Amino acid sequence: MSSSYGTEELWHLTHGMRRLVLTESARDAQRIQVVEEELAIARRKIDNIDHQLYAHDLQLRKGRDVRVVPLPSRGGVRTRQRGSGLRTRGGSTSRRGRGTGDNSE
């Protein structure tokens, strides 16, 4: 058996290697495409989670801006609203049209 190859044998060897490399390259390209698709899905999920966290953070910030003020023992929002602002004594009329001057309903 000789240690040298003929031209035809070398051509077949190199042709076979090229086919093998191309096949592996095509498989690698498919694997890369699958990984890229999975990466795109992961990015969309992360964006969705990020959006949810942002919305939740906005809700928390809104909650911080609202102060809880205890209401008086009698009345409610109406009493608190009437209690603010200027008051007059004497012959003033209430919102219900009574002319008693007594603003405590």
C-alpha atoms as a PDB file:
ATOM      1  CA  MET A   1       0.000   0.000   0.000  1.00  0.00           C
ATOM      2  CA  SER A   2       1.425   3.342  -0.951  1.00  0.00           C
ATOM      3  CA  SER A   3       1.565   6.328   1.433  1.00  0.00           C
ATOM      4  CA  SER A   4       0.528   8.810  -1.245  1.00  0.00           C
ATOM      5  CA  TYR A   5      -2.940   9.492  -2.597  1.00  0.00           C
ATOM      6  CA  GLY A   6      -3.916  10.003  -6.179  1.00  0.00           C
ATOM      7  CA  THR A   7      -5.710  13.076  -7.432  1.00  0.00           C
ATOM      8  CA  GLU A   8      -9.094  11.351  -7.592  1.00  0.00           C
ATOM      9  CA  GLU A   9      -8.783   9.972  -4.058  1.00  0.00           C
ATOM     10  CA  LEU A  10      -7.841  13.400  -2.695  1.00  0.00           C
ATOM     11  CA  TRP A  11     -10.798  14.950  -4.466  1.00  0.00           C
ATOM     12  CA  HIS A  12     -13.181  12.411  -2.878  1.00  0.00           C
ATOM     13  CA  LEU A  13     -11.664  12.941   0.564  1.00  0.00           C
ATOM     14  CA  THR A  14     -11.889  16.726   0.358  1.00  0.00           C
ATOM     15  CA  HIS A  15     -15.379  16.563  -1.132  1.00  0.00           C
ATOM     16  CA  GLY A  16     -16.525  14.325   1.734  1.00  0.00           C
ATOM     17  CA  MET A  17     -14.996  16.689   4.290  1.00  0.00           C
ATOM     18  CA  ARG A  18     -16.732  19.666   2.687  1.00  0.00           C
ATOM     19  CA  ARG A  19     -20.092  17.880   2.824  1.00  0.00           C
ATOM     20  CA  LEU A  20     -19.497  17.001   6.474  1.00  0.00           C
ATOM     21  CA  VAL A  21     -18.551  20.597   7.298  1.00  0.00           C
ATOM     22  CA  LEU A  22     -21.578  21.954   5.420  1.00  0.00           C
ATOM     23  CA  THR A  23     -23.897  19.512   7.181  1.00  0.00           C
ATOM     24  CA  GLU A  24     -22.495  20.459  10.583  1.00  0.00           C
ATOM     25  CA  SER A  25     -22.660  24.121   9.638  1.00  0.00           C
ATOM     26  CA  ALA A  26     -26.341  23.763   8.673  1.00  0.00           C
ATOM     27  CA  ARG A  27     -27.057  22.037  12.004  1.00  0.00           C
ATOM     28  CA  ASP A  28     -25.219  24.784  13.841  1.00  0.00           C
ATOM     29  CA  ALA A  29     -27.222  27.409  11.941  1.00  0.00           C
ATOM     30  CA  GLN A  30     -30.472  25.660  12.962  1.00  0.00           C
ATOM     31  CA  ARG A  31     -29.306  25.485  16.578  1.00  0.00           C
ATOM     32  CA  ILE A  32     -28.381  29.151  16.502  1.00  0.00           C
ATOM     33  CA  GLN A  33     -31.792  30.033  15.070  1.00  0.00           C
ATOM     34  CA  VAL A  34     -33.546  28.042  17.816  1.00  0.00           C
ATOM     35  CA  VAL A  35     -31.455  29.769  20.478  1.00  0.00           C
ATOM     36  CA  GLU A  36     -32.174  33.188  18.936  1.00  0.00           C
ATOM     37  CA  GLU A  37     -35.929  32.432  18.952  1.00  0.00           C
ATOM     38  CA  GLU A  38     -35.746  31.346  22.588  1.00  0.00           C
ATOM     39  CA  LEU A  39     -33.792  34.503  23.385  1.00  0.00           C
ATOM     40  CA  ALA A  40     -36.452  36.648  21.700  1.00  0.00           C
ATOM     41  CA  ILE A  41     -39.168  34.908  23.745  1.00  0.00           C
ATOM     42  CA  ALA A  42     -37.150  35.443  26.927  1.00  0.00           C
ATOM     43  CA  ARG A  43     -36.701  39.137  26.077  1.00  0.00           C
ATOM     44  CA  ARG A  44     -40.463  39.552  25.551  1.00  0.00           C
ATOM     45  CA  LYS A  45     -41.127  37.877  28.895  1.00  0.00           C
ATOM     46  CA  ILE A  46     -38.578  40.106  30.622  1.00  0.00           C
ATOM     47  CA  ASP A  47     -40.121  43.195  28.990  1.00  0.00           C
ATOM     48  CA  ASN A  48     -43.551  42.079  30.181  1.00  0.00           C
ATOM     49  CA  ILE A  49     -42.285  41.531  33.729  1.00  0.00           C
ATOM     50  CA  ASP A  50     -40.495  44.883  33.603  1.00  0.00           C
ATOM     51  CA  HIS A  51     -43.731  46.581  32.503  1.00  0.00           C
ATOM     52  CA  GLN A  52     -45.648  44.910  35.345  1.00  0.00           C
ATOM     53  CA  LEU A  53     -43.022  45.998  37.871  1.00  0.00           C
ATOM     54  CA  TYR A  54     -43.154  49.558  36.532  1.00  0.00           C
ATOM     55  CA  ALA A  55     -46.957  49.629  36.799  1.00  0.00           C
ATOM     56  CA  HIS A  56     -46.781  48.206  40.321  1.00  0.00           C
ATOM     57  CA  ASP A  57     -44.156  50.800  41.283  1.00  0.00           C
ATOM     58  CA  LEU A  58     -46.446  53.570  40.002  1.00  0.00           C
ATOM     59  CA  GLN A  59     -49.270  52.217  42.148  1.00  0.00           C
ATOM     60  CA  LEU A  60     -47.000  52.164  45.184  1.00  0.00           C
ATOM     61  CA  ARG A  61     -45.891  55.735  44.509  1.00  0.00           C
ATOM     62  CA  LYS A  62     -49.504  56.859  44.199  1.00  0.00           C
ATOM     63  CA  GLY A  63     -50.247  55.188  47.521  1.00  0.00           C
ATOM     64  CA  ARG A  64     -47.396  57.112  49.152  1.00  0.00           C
ATOM     65  CA  ASP A  65     -48.750  60.447  47.932  1.00  0.00           C
ATOM     66  CA  VAL A  66     -52.093  59.903  49.654  1.00  0.00           C
ATOM     67  CA  ARG A  67     -52.138  60.784  53.333  1.00  0.00           C
ATOM     68  CA  VAL A  68     -54.565  58.975  55.601  1.00  0.00           C
ATOM     69  CA  VAL A  69     -56.299  61.520  57.798  1.00  0.00           C
ATOM     70  CA  PRO A  70     -58.545  60.295  60.611  1.00  0.00           C
ATOM     71  CA  LEU A  71     -62.068  61.636  60.365  1.00  0.00           C
ATOM     72  CA  PRO A  72     -63.793  63.354  63.275  1.00  0.00           C
ATOM     73  CA  SER A  73     -65.846  61.108  65.528  1.00  0.00           C
ATOM     74  CA  ARG A  74     -69.126  62.463  64.141  1.00  0.00           C
ATOM     75  CA  GLY A  75     -69.755  63.274  60.519  1.00  0.00           C
ATOM     76  CA  GLY A  76     -67.378  62.321  57.804  1.00  0.00           C
ATOM     77  CA  VAL A  77     -66.141  63.898  54.639  1.00  0.00           C
ATOM     78  CA  ARG A  78     -68.944  66.436  54.694  1.00  0.00           C
ATOM     79  CA  THR A  79     -68.046  67.645  58.179  1.00  0.00           C
ATOM     80  CA  ARG A  80     -64.394  67.933  57.290  1.00  0.00           C
ATOM     81  CA  GLN A  81     -65.162  69.943  54.148  1.00  0.00           C
ATOM     82  CA  ARG A  82     -67.387  72.377  56.010  1.00  0.00           C
ATOM     83  CA  GLY A  83     -64.796  72.735  58.750  1.00  0.00           C
ATOM     84  CA  SER A  84     -62.260  74.218  56.370  1.00  0.00           C
ATOM     85  CA  GLY A  85     -62.360  77.821  55.268  1.00  0.00           C
ATOM     86  CA  LEU A  86     -63.837  80.921  56.889  1.00  0.00           C
ATOM     87  CA  ARG A  87     -66.796  80.766  59.269  1.00  0.00           C
ATOM     88  CA  THR A  88     -69.177  83.445  60.260  1.00  0.00           C
ATOM     89  CA  ARG A  89     -71.319  83.619  63.361  1.00  0.00           C
ATOM     90  CA  GLY A  90     -74.797  84.782  63.809  1.00  0.00           C
ATOM     91  CA  GLY A  91     -77.372  84.957  61.074  1.00  0.00           C
ATOM     92  CA  SER A  92     -75.688  82.888  58.417  1.00  0.00           C
ATOM     93  CA  THR A  93     -77.678  80.262  56.612  1.00  0.00           C
ATOM     94  CA  SER A  94     -76.576  76.680  56.162  1.00  0.00           C
ATOM     95  CA  ARG A  95     -76.513  74.883  52.822  1.00  0.00           C
ATOM     96  CA  ARG A  96     -79.929  73.411  53.460  1.00  0.00           C
ATOM     97  CA  GLY A  97     -81.450  76.823  53.677  1.00  0.00           C
ATOM     98  CA  ARG A  98     -82.030  76.929  57.431  1.00  0.00           C
ATOM     99  CA  GLY A  99     -81.538  80.368  58.919  1.00  0.00           C
ATOM    100  CA  THR A 100     -80.542  79.230  62.417  1.00  0.00           C
ATOM    101  CA  GLY A 101     -76.857  80.060  62.187  1.00  0.00           C
ATOM    102  CA  ASP A 102     -75.999  76.671  63.668  1.00  0.00           C
ATOM    103  CA  ASN A 103     -73.640  74.883  61.277  1.00  0.00           C
ATOM    104  CA  SER A 104     -73.463  71.585  63.216  1.00  0.00           C
ATOM    105  CA  GLU A 105     -75.949  69.224  61.619  1.00  0.00           C
END
